Amino acid sequence: HAEILGPKFKLVLKMLRAELTNRGI
């Protein structure tokens, strides 16, 4: 299950970091 879920969570966290880091929001 983790092999399927892991990449999805990594994508979410990658996009949150890329889009929202250091904006204070």
mmCIF file of all heavy atoms, coordinates in Angstrom:
data_MODEL
# 
_entry.id   MODEL 
# 
loop_
_atom_site.group_PDB 
_atom_site.id 
_atom_site.type_symbol 
_atom_site.label_atom_id 
_atom_site.label_alt_id 
_atom_site.label_comp_id 
_atom_site.label_asym_id 
_atom_site.label_entity_id 
_atom_site.label_seq_id 
_atom_site.pdbx_PDB_ins_code 
_atom_site.Cartn_x 
_atom_site.Cartn_y 
_atom_site.Cartn_z 
_atom_site.occupancy 
_atom_site.B_iso_or_equiv 
_atom_site.pdbx_formal_charge 
_atom_site.auth_seq_id 
_atom_site.auth_comp_id 
_atom_site.auth_asym_id 
_atom_site.auth_atom_id 
_atom_site.pdbx_PDB_model_num 
ATOM 1   N N   . HIS A 1 1  ? 0.839  -1.197 0.000  1.00 0.00 ? 1  HIS A N   1 
ATOM 2   C CA  . HIS A 1 1  ? 0.000  0.000  0.000  1.00 0.00 ? 1  HIS A CA  1 
ATOM 3   C C   . HIS A 1 1  ? 0.878  1.252  0.000  1.00 0.00 ? 1  HIS A C   1 
ATOM 4   O O   . HIS A 1 1  ? 0.595  2.231  -0.701 1.00 0.00 ? 1  HIS A O   1 
ATOM 5   C CB  . HIS A 1 1  ? -0.896 0.012  1.241  1.00 0.00 ? 1  HIS A CB  1 
ATOM 6   C CG  . HIS A 1 1  ? -2.130 -0.824 1.127  1.00 0.00 ? 1  HIS A CG  1 
ATOM 7   N ND1 . HIS A 1 1  ? -3.183 -0.485 0.304  1.00 0.00 ? 1  HIS A ND1 1 
ATOM 8   C CD2 . HIS A 1 1  ? -2.495 -1.993 1.725  1.00 0.00 ? 1  HIS A CD2 1 
ATOM 9   C CE1 . HIS A 1 1  ? -4.142 -1.393 0.410  1.00 0.00 ? 1  HIS A CE1 1 
ATOM 10  N NE2 . HIS A 1 1  ? -3.747 -2.323 1.270  1.00 0.00 ? 1  HIS A NE2 1 
ATOM 11  N N   . ALA A 1 2  ? 1.944  1.211  0.799  1.00 0.00 ? 2  ALA A N   1 
ATOM 12  C CA  . ALA A 1 2  ? 2.830  2.372  0.923  1.00 0.00 ? 2  ALA A CA  1 
ATOM 13  C C   . ALA A 1 2  ? 3.510  2.708  -0.398 1.00 0.00 ? 2  ALA A C   1 
ATOM 14  O O   . ALA A 1 2  ? 3.769  3.886  -0.686 1.00 0.00 ? 2  ALA A O   1 
ATOM 15  C CB  . ALA A 1 2  ? 3.882  2.116  1.999  1.00 0.00 ? 2  ALA A CB  1 
ATOM 16  N N   . GLU A 1 3  ? 3.793  1.693  -1.204 1.00 0.00 ? 3  GLU A N   1 
ATOM 17  C CA  . GLU A 1 3  ? 4.412  1.939  -2.506 1.00 0.00 ? 3  GLU A CA  1 
ATOM 18  C C   . GLU A 1 3  ? 3.485  2.740  -3.415 1.00 0.00 ? 3  GLU A C   1 
ATOM 19  O O   . GLU A 1 3  ? 3.944  3.466  -4.303 1.00 0.00 ? 3  GLU A O   1 
ATOM 20  C CB  . GLU A 1 3  ? 4.778  0.605  -3.169 1.00 0.00 ? 3  GLU A CB  1 
ATOM 21  C CG  . GLU A 1 3  ? 5.934  -0.119 -2.473 1.00 0.00 ? 3  GLU A CG  1 
ATOM 22  C CD  . GLU A 1 3  ? 6.168  -1.512 -3.044 1.00 0.00 ? 3  GLU A CD  1 
ATOM 23  O OE1 . GLU A 1 3  ? 5.458  -1.889 -4.015 1.00 0.00 ? 3  GLU A OE1 1 
ATOM 24  O OE2 . GLU A 1 3  ? 7.042  -2.222 -2.525 1.00 0.00 ? 3  GLU A OE2 1 
ATOM 25  N N   . ILE A 1 4  ? 2.187  2.611  -3.183 1.00 0.00 ? 4  ILE A N   1 
ATOM 26  C CA  . ILE A 1 4  ? 1.204  3.374  -3.961 1.00 0.00 ? 4  ILE A CA  1 
ATOM 27  C C   . ILE A 1 4  ? 0.950  4.733  -3.333 1.00 0.00 ? 4  ILE A C   1 
ATOM 28  O O   . ILE A 1 4  ? 0.905  5.762  -4.020 1.00 0.00 ? 4  ILE A O   1 
ATOM 29  C CB  . ILE A 1 4  ? -0.118 2.572  -4.069 1.00 0.00 ? 4  ILE A CB  1 
ATOM 30  C CG1 . ILE A 1 4  ? 0.119  1.243  -4.801 1.00 0.00 ? 4  ILE A CG1 1 
ATOM 31  C CG2 . ILE A 1 4  ? -1.199 3.397  -4.762 1.00 0.00 ? 4  ILE A CG2 1 
ATOM 32  C CD1 . ILE A 1 4  ? -1.054 0.277  -4.722 1.00 0.00 ? 4  ILE A CD1 1 
ATOM 33  N N   . LEU A 1 5  ? 0.814  4.752  -2.008 1.00 0.00 ? 5  LEU A N   1 
ATOM 34  C CA  . LEU A 1 5  ? 0.477  5.995  -1.314 1.00 0.00 ? 5  LEU A CA  1 
ATOM 35  C C   . LEU A 1 5  ? 1.663  6.945  -1.183 1.00 0.00 ? 5  LEU A C   1 
ATOM 36  O O   . LEU A 1 5  ? 1.504  8.164  -1.296 1.00 0.00 ? 5  LEU A O   1 
ATOM 37  C CB  . LEU A 1 5  ? -0.039 5.672  0.095  1.00 0.00 ? 5  LEU A CB  1 
ATOM 38  C CG  . LEU A 1 5  ? -1.455 5.120  0.204  1.00 0.00 ? 5  LEU A CG  1 
ATOM 39  C CD1 . LEU A 1 5  ? -1.722 4.657  1.634  1.00 0.00 ? 5  LEU A CD1 1 
ATOM 40  C CD2 . LEU A 1 5  ? -2.479 6.170  -0.208 1.00 0.00 ? 5  LEU A CD2 1 
ATOM 41  N N   . GLY A 1 6  ? 2.847  6.391  -0.929 1.00 0.00 ? 6  GLY A N   1 
ATOM 42  C CA  . GLY A 1 6  ? 4.022  7.220  -0.662 1.00 0.00 ? 6  GLY A CA  1 
ATOM 43  C C   . GLY A 1 6  ? 4.270  8.296  -1.706 1.00 0.00 ? 6  GLY A C   1 
ATOM 44  O O   . GLY A 1 6  ? 4.439  9.482  -1.362 1.00 0.00 ? 6  GLY A O   1 
ATOM 45  N N   . PRO A 1 7  ? 4.304  7.938  -2.991 1.00 0.00 ? 7  PRO A N   1 
ATOM 46  C CA  . PRO A 1 7  ? 4.543  8.963  -4.026 1.00 0.00 ? 7  PRO A CA  1 
ATOM 47  C C   . PRO A 1 7  ? 3.477  10.063 -4.044 1.00 0.00 ? 7  PRO A C   1 
ATOM 48  O O   . PRO A 1 7  ? 3.779  11.215 -4.372 1.00 0.00 ? 7  PRO A O   1 
ATOM 49  C CB  . PRO A 1 7  ? 4.525  8.150  -5.332 1.00 0.00 ? 7  PRO A CB  1 
ATOM 50  C CG  . PRO A 1 7  ? 4.918  6.770  -4.917 1.00 0.00 ? 7  PRO A CG  1 
ATOM 51  C CD  . PRO A 1 7  ? 4.300  6.571  -3.569 1.00 0.00 ? 7  PRO A CD  1 
ATOM 52  N N   . LYS A 1 8  ? 2.249  9.735  -3.679 1.00 0.00 ? 8  LYS A N   1 
ATOM 53  C CA  . LYS A 1 8  ? 1.186  10.746 -3.670 1.00 0.00 ? 8  LYS A CA  1 
ATOM 54  C C   . LYS A 1 8  ? 1.421  11.762 -2.554 1.00 0.00 ? 8  LYS A C   1 
ATOM 55  O O   . LYS A 1 8  ? 1.272  12.976 -2.760 1.00 0.00 ? 8  LYS A O   1 
ATOM 56  C CB  . LYS A 1 8  ? -0.179 10.069 -3.516 1.00 0.00 ? 8  LYS A CB  1 
ATOM 57  C CG  . LYS A 1 8  ? -0.561 9.186  -4.707 1.00 0.00 ? 8  LYS A CG  1 
ATOM 58  C CD  . LYS A 1 8  ? -1.942 8.593  -4.553 1.00 0.00 ? 8  LYS A CD  1 
ATOM 59  C CE  . LYS A 1 8  ? -2.314 7.759  -5.777 1.00 0.00 ? 8  LYS A CE  1 
ATOM 60  N NZ  . LYS A 1 8  ? -3.691 7.231  -5.717 1.00 0.00 ? 8  LYS A NZ  1 
ATOM 61  N N   . PHE A 1 9  ? 1.787  11.263 -1.377 1.00 0.00 ? 9  PHE A N   1 
ATOM 62  C CA  . PHE A 1 9  ? 2.067  12.182 -0.281 1.00 0.00 ? 9  PHE A CA  1 
ATOM 63  C C   . PHE A 1 9  ? 3.318  13.007 -0.558 1.00 0.00 ? 9  PHE A C   1 
ATOM 64  O O   . PHE A 1 9  ? 3.381  14.195 -0.225 1.00 0.00 ? 9  PHE A O   1 
ATOM 65  C CB  . PHE A 1 9  ? 2.192  11.417 1.033  1.00 0.00 ? 9  PHE A CB  1 
ATOM 66  C CG  . PHE A 1 9  ? 0.861  11.101 1.672  1.00 0.00 ? 9  PHE A CG  1 
ATOM 67  C CD1 . PHE A 1 9  ? 0.139  9.977  1.285  1.00 0.00 ? 9  PHE A CD1 1 
ATOM 68  C CD2 . PHE A 1 9  ? 0.329  11.939 2.623  1.00 0.00 ? 9  PHE A CD2 1 
ATOM 69  C CE1 . PHE A 1 9  ? -1.087 9.697  1.858  1.00 0.00 ? 9  PHE A CE1 1 
ATOM 70  C CE2 . PHE A 1 9  ? -0.900 11.667 3.204  1.00 0.00 ? 9  PHE A CE2 1 
ATOM 71  C CZ  . PHE A 1 9  ? -1.613 10.542 2.819  1.00 0.00 ? 9  PHE A CZ  1 
ATOM 72  N N   . LYS A 1 10 ? 4.304  12.390 -1.179 1.00 0.00 ? 10 LYS A N   1 
ATOM 73  C CA  . LYS A 1 10 ? 5.517  13.135 -1.540 1.00 0.00 ? 10 LYS A CA  1 
ATOM 74  C C   . LYS A 1 10 ? 5.182  14.264 -2.508 1.00 0.00 ? 10 LYS A C   1 
ATOM 75  O O   . LYS A 1 10 ? 5.712  15.377 -2.396 1.00 0.00 ? 10 LYS A O   1 
ATOM 76  C CB  . LYS A 1 10 ? 6.553  12.190 -2.166 1.00 0.00 ? 10 LYS A CB  1 
ATOM 77  C CG  . LYS A 1 10 ? 7.270  11.301 -1.171 1.00 0.00 ? 10 LYS A CG  1 
ATOM 78  C CD  . LYS A 1 10 ? 8.300  10.428 -1.864 1.00 0.00 ? 10 LYS A CD  1 
ATOM 79  C CE  . LYS A 1 10 ? 9.019  9.521  -0.879 1.00 0.00 ? 10 LYS A CE  1 
ATOM 80  N NZ  . LYS A 1 10 ? 9.991  8.618  -1.548 1.00 0.00 ? 10 LYS A NZ  1 
ATOM 81  N N   . LEU A 1 11 ? 4.301  13.976 -3.460 1.00 0.00 ? 11 LEU A N   1 
ATOM 82  C CA  . LEU A 1 11 ? 3.901  15.007 -4.422 1.00 0.00 ? 11 LEU A CA  1 
ATOM 83  C C   . LEU A 1 11 ? 3.187  16.164 -3.714 1.00 0.00 ? 11 LEU A C   1 
ATOM 84  O O   . LEU A 1 11 ? 3.475  17.337 -3.984 1.00 0.00 ? 11 LEU A O   1 
ATOM 85  C CB  . LEU A 1 11 ? 2.981  14.397 -5.483 1.00 0.00 ? 11 LEU A CB  1 
ATOM 86  C CG  . LEU A 1 11 ? 2.367  15.397 -6.469 1.00 0.00 ? 11 LEU A CG  1 
ATOM 87  C CD1 . LEU A 1 11 ? 3.445  16.029 -7.332 1.00 0.00 ? 11 LEU A CD1 1 
ATOM 88  C CD2 . LEU A 1 11 ? 1.311  14.727 -7.337 1.00 0.00 ? 11 LEU A CD2 1 
ATOM 89  N N   . VAL A 1 12 ? 2.267  15.834 -2.830 1.00 0.00 ? 12 VAL A N   1 
ATOM 90  C CA  . VAL A 1 12 ? 1.544  16.878 -2.100 1.00 0.00 ? 12 VAL A CA  1 
ATOM 91  C C   . VAL A 1 12 ? 2.516  17.764 -1.331 1.00 0.00 ? 12 VAL A C   1 
ATOM 92  O O   . VAL A 1 12 ? 2.458  19.003 -1.405 1.00 0.00 ? 12 VAL A O   1 
ATOM 93  C CB  . VAL A 1 12 ? 0.515  16.248 -1.137 1.00 0.00 ? 12 VAL A CB  1 
ATOM 94  C CG1 . VAL A 1 12 ? -0.028 17.302 -0.158 1.00 0.00 ? 12 VAL A CG1 1 
ATOM 95  C CG2 . VAL A 1 12 ? -0.639 15.630 -1.916 1.00 0.00 ? 12 VAL A CG2 1 
ATOM 96  N N   . LEU A 1 13 ? 3.421  17.139 -0.593 1.00 0.00 ? 13 LEU A N   1 
ATOM 97  C CA  . LEU A 1 13 ? 4.350  17.916 0.227  1.00 0.00 ? 13 LEU A CA  1 
ATOM 98  C C   . LEU A 1 13 ? 5.336  18.702 -0.635 1.00 0.00 ? 13 LEU A C   1 
ATOM 99  O O   . LEU A 1 13 ? 5.699  19.841 -0.301 1.00 0.00 ? 13 LEU A O   1 
ATOM 100 C CB  . LEU A 1 13 ? 5.092  16.973 1.175  1.00 0.00 ? 13 LEU A CB  1 
ATOM 101 C CG  . LEU A 1 13 ? 4.176  16.284 2.199  1.00 0.00 ? 13 LEU A CG  1 
ATOM 102 C CD1 . LEU A 1 13 ? 4.926  15.186 2.942  1.00 0.00 ? 13 LEU A CD1 1 
ATOM 103 C CD2 . LEU A 1 13 ? 3.588  17.280 3.180  1.00 0.00 ? 13 LEU A CD2 1 
ATOM 104 N N   . LYS A 1 14 ? 5.741  18.122 -1.767 1.00 0.00 ? 14 LYS A N   1 
ATOM 105 C CA  . LYS A 1 14 ? 6.632  18.829 -2.692 1.00 0.00 ? 14 LYS A CA  1 
ATOM 106 C C   . LYS A 1 14 ? 5.954  20.092 -3.226 1.00 0.00 ? 14 LYS A C   1 
ATOM 107 O O   . LYS A 1 14 ? 6.562  21.177 -3.274 1.00 0.00 ? 14 LYS A O   1 
ATOM 108 C CB  . LYS A 1 14 ? 7.019  17.903 -3.844 1.00 0.00 ? 14 LYS A CB  1 
ATOM 109 C CG  . LYS A 1 14 ? 7.852  18.568 -4.927 1.00 0.00 ? 14 LYS A CG  1 
ATOM 110 C CD  . LYS A 1 14 ? 8.097  17.607 -6.084 1.00 0.00 ? 14 LYS A CD  1 
ATOM 111 C CE  . LYS A 1 14 ? 8.810  18.281 -7.239 1.00 0.00 ? 14 LYS A CE  1 
ATOM 112 N NZ  . LYS A 1 14 ? 8.999  17.363 -8.397 1.00 0.00 ? 14 LYS A NZ  1 
ATOM 113 N N   . MET A 1 15 ? 4.676  19.973 -3.595 1.00 0.00 ? 15 MET A N   1 
ATOM 114 C CA  . MET A 1 15 ? 3.970  21.133 -4.158 1.00 0.00 ? 15 MET A CA  1 
ATOM 115 C C   . MET A 1 15 ? 3.673  22.179 -3.087 1.00 0.00 ? 15 MET A C   1 
ATOM 116 O O   . MET A 1 15 ? 3.739  23.384 -3.349 1.00 0.00 ? 15 MET A O   1 
ATOM 117 C CB  . MET A 1 15 ? 2.697  20.675 -4.868 1.00 0.00 ? 15 MET A CB  1 
ATOM 118 C CG  . MET A 1 15 ? 2.993  19.847 -6.118 1.00 0.00 ? 15 MET A CG  1 
ATOM 119 S SD  . MET A 1 15 ? 1.542  19.549 -7.140 1.00 0.00 ? 15 MET A SD  1 
ATOM 120 C CE  . MET A 1 15 ? 1.234  21.184 -7.813 1.00 0.00 ? 15 MET A CE  1 
ATOM 121 N N   . LEU A 1 16 ? 3.360  21.742 -1.873 1.00 0.00 ? 16 LEU A N   1 
ATOM 122 C CA  . LEU A 1 16 ? 3.154  22.703 -0.794 1.00 0.00 ? 16 LEU A CA  1 
ATOM 123 C C   . LEU A 1 16 ? 4.429  23.505 -0.536 1.00 0.00 ? 16 LEU A C   1 
ATOM 124 O O   . LEU A 1 16 ? 4.393  24.727 -0.379 1.00 0.00 ? 16 LEU A O   1 
ATOM 125 C CB  . LEU A 1 16 ? 2.720  21.979 0.487  1.00 0.00 ? 16 LEU A CB  1 
ATOM 126 C CG  . LEU A 1 16 ? 1.308  21.377 0.502  1.00 0.00 ? 16 LEU A CG  1 
ATOM 127 C CD1 . LEU A 1 16 ? 1.095  20.593 1.784  1.00 0.00 ? 16 LEU A CD1 1 
ATOM 128 C CD2 . LEU A 1 16 ? 0.241  22.458 0.348  1.00 0.00 ? 16 LEU A CD2 1 
ATOM 129 N N   . ARG A 1 17 ? 5.560  22.796 -0.518 1.00 0.00 ? 17 ARG A N   1 
ATOM 130 C CA  . ARG A 1 17 ? 6.840  23.485 -0.293 1.00 0.00 ? 17 ARG A CA  1 
ATOM 131 C C   . ARG A 1 17 ? 7.131  24.460 -1.430 1.00 0.00 ? 17 ARG A C   1 
ATOM 132 O O   . ARG A 1 17 ? 7.526  25.609 -1.207 1.00 0.00 ? 17 ARG A O   1 
ATOM 133 C CB  . ARG A 1 17 ? 7.974  22.466 -0.163 1.00 0.00 ? 17 ARG A CB  1 
ATOM 134 C CG  . ARG A 1 17 ? 8.009  21.733 1.171  1.00 0.00 ? 17 ARG A CG  1 
ATOM 135 C CD  . ARG A 1 17 ? 9.324  21.000 1.360  1.00 0.00 ? 17 ARG A CD  1 
ATOM 136 N NE  . ARG A 1 17 ? 9.511  19.958 0.350  1.00 0.00 ? 17 ARG A NE  1 
ATOM 137 C CZ  . ARG A 1 17 ? 9.173  18.694 0.515  1.00 0.00 ? 17 ARG A CZ  1 
ATOM 138 N NH1 . ARG A 1 17 ? 8.630  18.295 1.658  1.00 0.00 ? 17 ARG A NH1 1 
ATOM 139 N NH2 . ARG A 1 17 ? 9.375  17.809 -0.441 1.00 0.00 ? 17 ARG A NH2 1 
ATOM 140 N N   . ALA A 1 18 ? 6.948  24.001 -2.662 1.00 0.00 ? 18 ALA A N   1 
ATOM 141 C CA  . ALA A 1 18 ? 7.282  24.834 -3.822 1.00 0.00 ? 18 ALA A CA  1 
ATOM 142 C C   . ALA A 1 18 ? 6.372  26.061 -3.931 1.00 0.00 ? 18 ALA A C   1 
ATOM 143 O O   . ALA A 1 18 ? 6.822  27.154 -4.290 1.00 0.00 ? 18 ALA A O   1 
ATOM 144 C CB  . ALA A 1 18 ? 7.197  23.999 -5.101 1.00 0.00 ? 18 ALA A CB  1 
ATOM 145 N N   . GLU A 1 19 ? 5.089  25.881 -3.613 1.00 0.00 ? 19 GLU A N   1 
ATOM 146 C CA  . GLU A 1 19 ? 4.111  26.943 -3.841 1.00 0.00 ? 19 GLU A CA  1 
ATOM 147 C C   . GLU A 1 19 ? 3.931  27.878 -2.642 1.00 0.00 ? 19 GLU A C   1 
ATOM 148 O O   . GLU A 1 19 ? 3.635  29.064 -2.819 1.00 0.00 ? 19 GLU A O   1 
ATOM 149 C CB  . GLU A 1 19 ? 2.756  26.318 -4.188 1.00 0.00 ? 19 GLU A CB  1 
ATOM 150 C CG  . GLU A 1 19 ? 2.731  25.532 -5.489 1.00 0.00 ? 19 GLU A CG  1 
ATOM 151 C CD  . GLU A 1 19 ? 2.435  26.410 -6.683 1.00 0.00 ? 19 GLU A CD  1 
ATOM 152 O OE1 . GLU A 1 19 ? 2.127  27.604 -6.490 1.00 0.00 ? 19 GLU A OE1 1 
ATOM 153 O OE2 . GLU A 1 19 ? 2.512  25.902 -7.813 1.00 0.00 ? 19 GLU A OE2 1 
ATOM 154 N N   . LEU A 1 20 ? 4.102  27.356 -1.427 1.00 0.00 ? 20 LEU A N   1 
ATOM 155 C CA  . LEU A 1 20 ? 3.665  28.126 -0.260 1.00 0.00 ? 20 LEU A CA  1 
ATOM 156 C C   . LEU A 1 20 ? 4.760  28.462 0.741  1.00 0.00 ? 20 LEU A C   1 
ATOM 157 O O   . LEU A 1 20 ? 4.544  29.301 1.630  1.00 0.00 ? 20 LEU A O   1 
ATOM 158 C CB  . LEU A 1 20 ? 2.553  27.355 0.475  1.00 0.00 ? 20 LEU A CB  1 
ATOM 159 C CG  . LEU A 1 20 ? 1.320  26.988 -0.365 1.00 0.00 ? 20 LEU A CG  1 
ATOM 160 C CD1 . LEU A 1 20 ? 0.334  26.181 0.467  1.00 0.00 ? 20 LEU A CD1 1 
ATOM 161 C CD2 . LEU A 1 20 ? 0.654  28.230 -0.931 1.00 0.00 ? 20 LEU A CD2 1 
ATOM 162 N N   . THR A 1 21 ? 5.939  27.839 0.616  1.00 0.00 ? 21 THR A N   1 
ATOM 163 C CA  . THR A 1 21 ? 7.007  28.120 1.567  1.00 0.00 ? 21 THR A CA  1 
ATOM 164 C C   . THR A 1 21 ? 7.406  29.598 1.517  1.00 0.00 ? 21 THR A C   1 
ATOM 165 O O   . THR A 1 21 ? 7.472  30.193 0.436  1.00 0.00 ? 21 THR A O   1 
ATOM 166 C CB  . THR A 1 21 ? 8.234  27.236 1.275  1.00 0.00 ? 21 THR A CB  1 
ATOM 167 O OG1 . THR A 1 21 ? 7.849  25.864 1.447  1.00 0.00 ? 21 THR A OG1 1 
ATOM 168 C CG2 . THR A 1 21 ? 9.370  27.533 2.238  1.00 0.00 ? 21 THR A CG2 1 
ATOM 169 N N   . ASN A 1 22 ? 7.686  30.170 2.681  1.00 0.00 ? 22 ASN A N   1 
ATOM 170 C CA  . ASN A 1 22 ? 8.197  31.545 2.833  1.00 0.00 ? 22 ASN A CA  1 
ATOM 171 C C   . ASN A 1 22 ? 7.201  32.624 2.412  1.00 0.00 ? 22 ASN A C   1 
ATOM 172 O O   . ASN A 1 22 ? 7.594  33.772 2.189  1.00 0.00 ? 22 ASN A O   1 
ATOM 173 C CB  . ASN A 1 22 ? 9.508  31.740 2.051  1.00 0.00 ? 22 ASN A CB  1 
ATOM 174 C CG  . ASN A 1 22 ? 10.616 30.849 2.579  1.00 0.00 ? 22 ASN A CG  1 
ATOM 175 O OD1 . ASN A 1 22 ? 10.669 30.564 3.781  1.00 0.00 ? 22 ASN A OD1 1 
ATOM 176 N ND2 . ASN A 1 22 ? 11.493 30.402 1.693  1.00 0.00 ? 22 ASN A ND2 1 
ATOM 177 N N   . ARG A 1 23 ? 5.929  32.265 2.304  1.00 0.00 ? 23 ARG A N   1 
ATOM 178 C CA  . ARG A 1 23 ? 4.937  33.297 1.988  1.00 0.00 ? 23 ARG A CA  1 
ATOM 179 C C   . ARG A 1 23 ? 4.163  33.745 3.235  1.00 0.00 ? 23 ARG A C   1 
ATOM 180 O O   . ARG A 1 23 ? 3.394  34.692 3.191  1.00 0.00 ? 23 ARG A O   1 
ATOM 181 C CB  . ARG A 1 23 ? 3.968  32.798 0.911  1.00 0.00 ? 23 ARG A CB  1 
ATOM 182 C CG  . ARG A 1 23 ? 4.609  32.795 -0.481 1.00 0.00 ? 23 ARG A CG  1 
ATOM 183 C CD  . ARG A 1 23 ? 3.687  32.180 -1.521 1.00 0.00 ? 23 ARG A CD  1 
ATOM 184 N NE  . ARG A 1 23 ? 4.215  32.375 -2.862 1.00 0.00 ? 23 ARG A NE  1 
ATOM 185 C CZ  . ARG A 1 23 ? 5.171  31.623 -3.430 1.00 0.00 ? 23 ARG A CZ  1 
ATOM 186 N NH1 . ARG A 1 23 ? 5.735  30.639 -2.728 1.00 0.00 ? 23 ARG A NH1 1 
ATOM 187 N NH2 . ARG A 1 23 ? 5.573  31.861 -4.661 1.00 0.00 ? 23 ARG A NH2 1 
ATOM 188 N N   . GLY A 1 24 ? 4.327  32.981 4.326  1.00 0.00 ? 24 GLY A N   1 
ATOM 189 C CA  . GLY A 1 24 ? 3.673  33.374 5.571  1.00 0.00 ? 24 GLY A CA  1 
ATOM 190 C C   . GLY A 1 24 ? 2.178  33.213 5.564  1.00 0.00 ? 24 GLY A C   1 
ATOM 191 O O   . GLY A 1 24 ? 1.473  33.899 6.312  1.00 0.00 ? 24 GLY A O   1 
ATOM 192 N N   . ILE A 1 25 ? 1.675  32.305 4.712  1.00 0.00 ? 25 ILE A N   1 
ATOM 193 C CA  . ILE A 1 25 ? 0.220  32.160 4.596  1.00 0.00 ? 25 ILE A CA  1 
ATOM 194 C C   . ILE A 1 25 ? -0.260 30.750 4.927  1.00 0.00 ? 25 ILE A C   1 
ATOM 195 O O   . ILE A 1 25 ? -1.465 30.492 4.896  1.00 0.00 ? 25 ILE A O   1 
ATOM 196 C CB  . ILE A 1 25 ? -0.273 32.557 3.191  1.00 0.00 ? 25 ILE A CB  1 
ATOM 197 C CG1 . ILE A 1 25 ? 0.404  31.702 2.113  1.00 0.00 ? 25 ILE A CG1 1 
ATOM 198 C CG2 . ILE A 1 25 ? -0.029 34.038 2.934  1.00 0.00 ? 25 ILE A CG2 1 
ATOM 199 C CD1 . ILE A 1 25 ? -0.148 31.937 0.711  1.00 0.00 ? 25 ILE A CD1 1 
# 
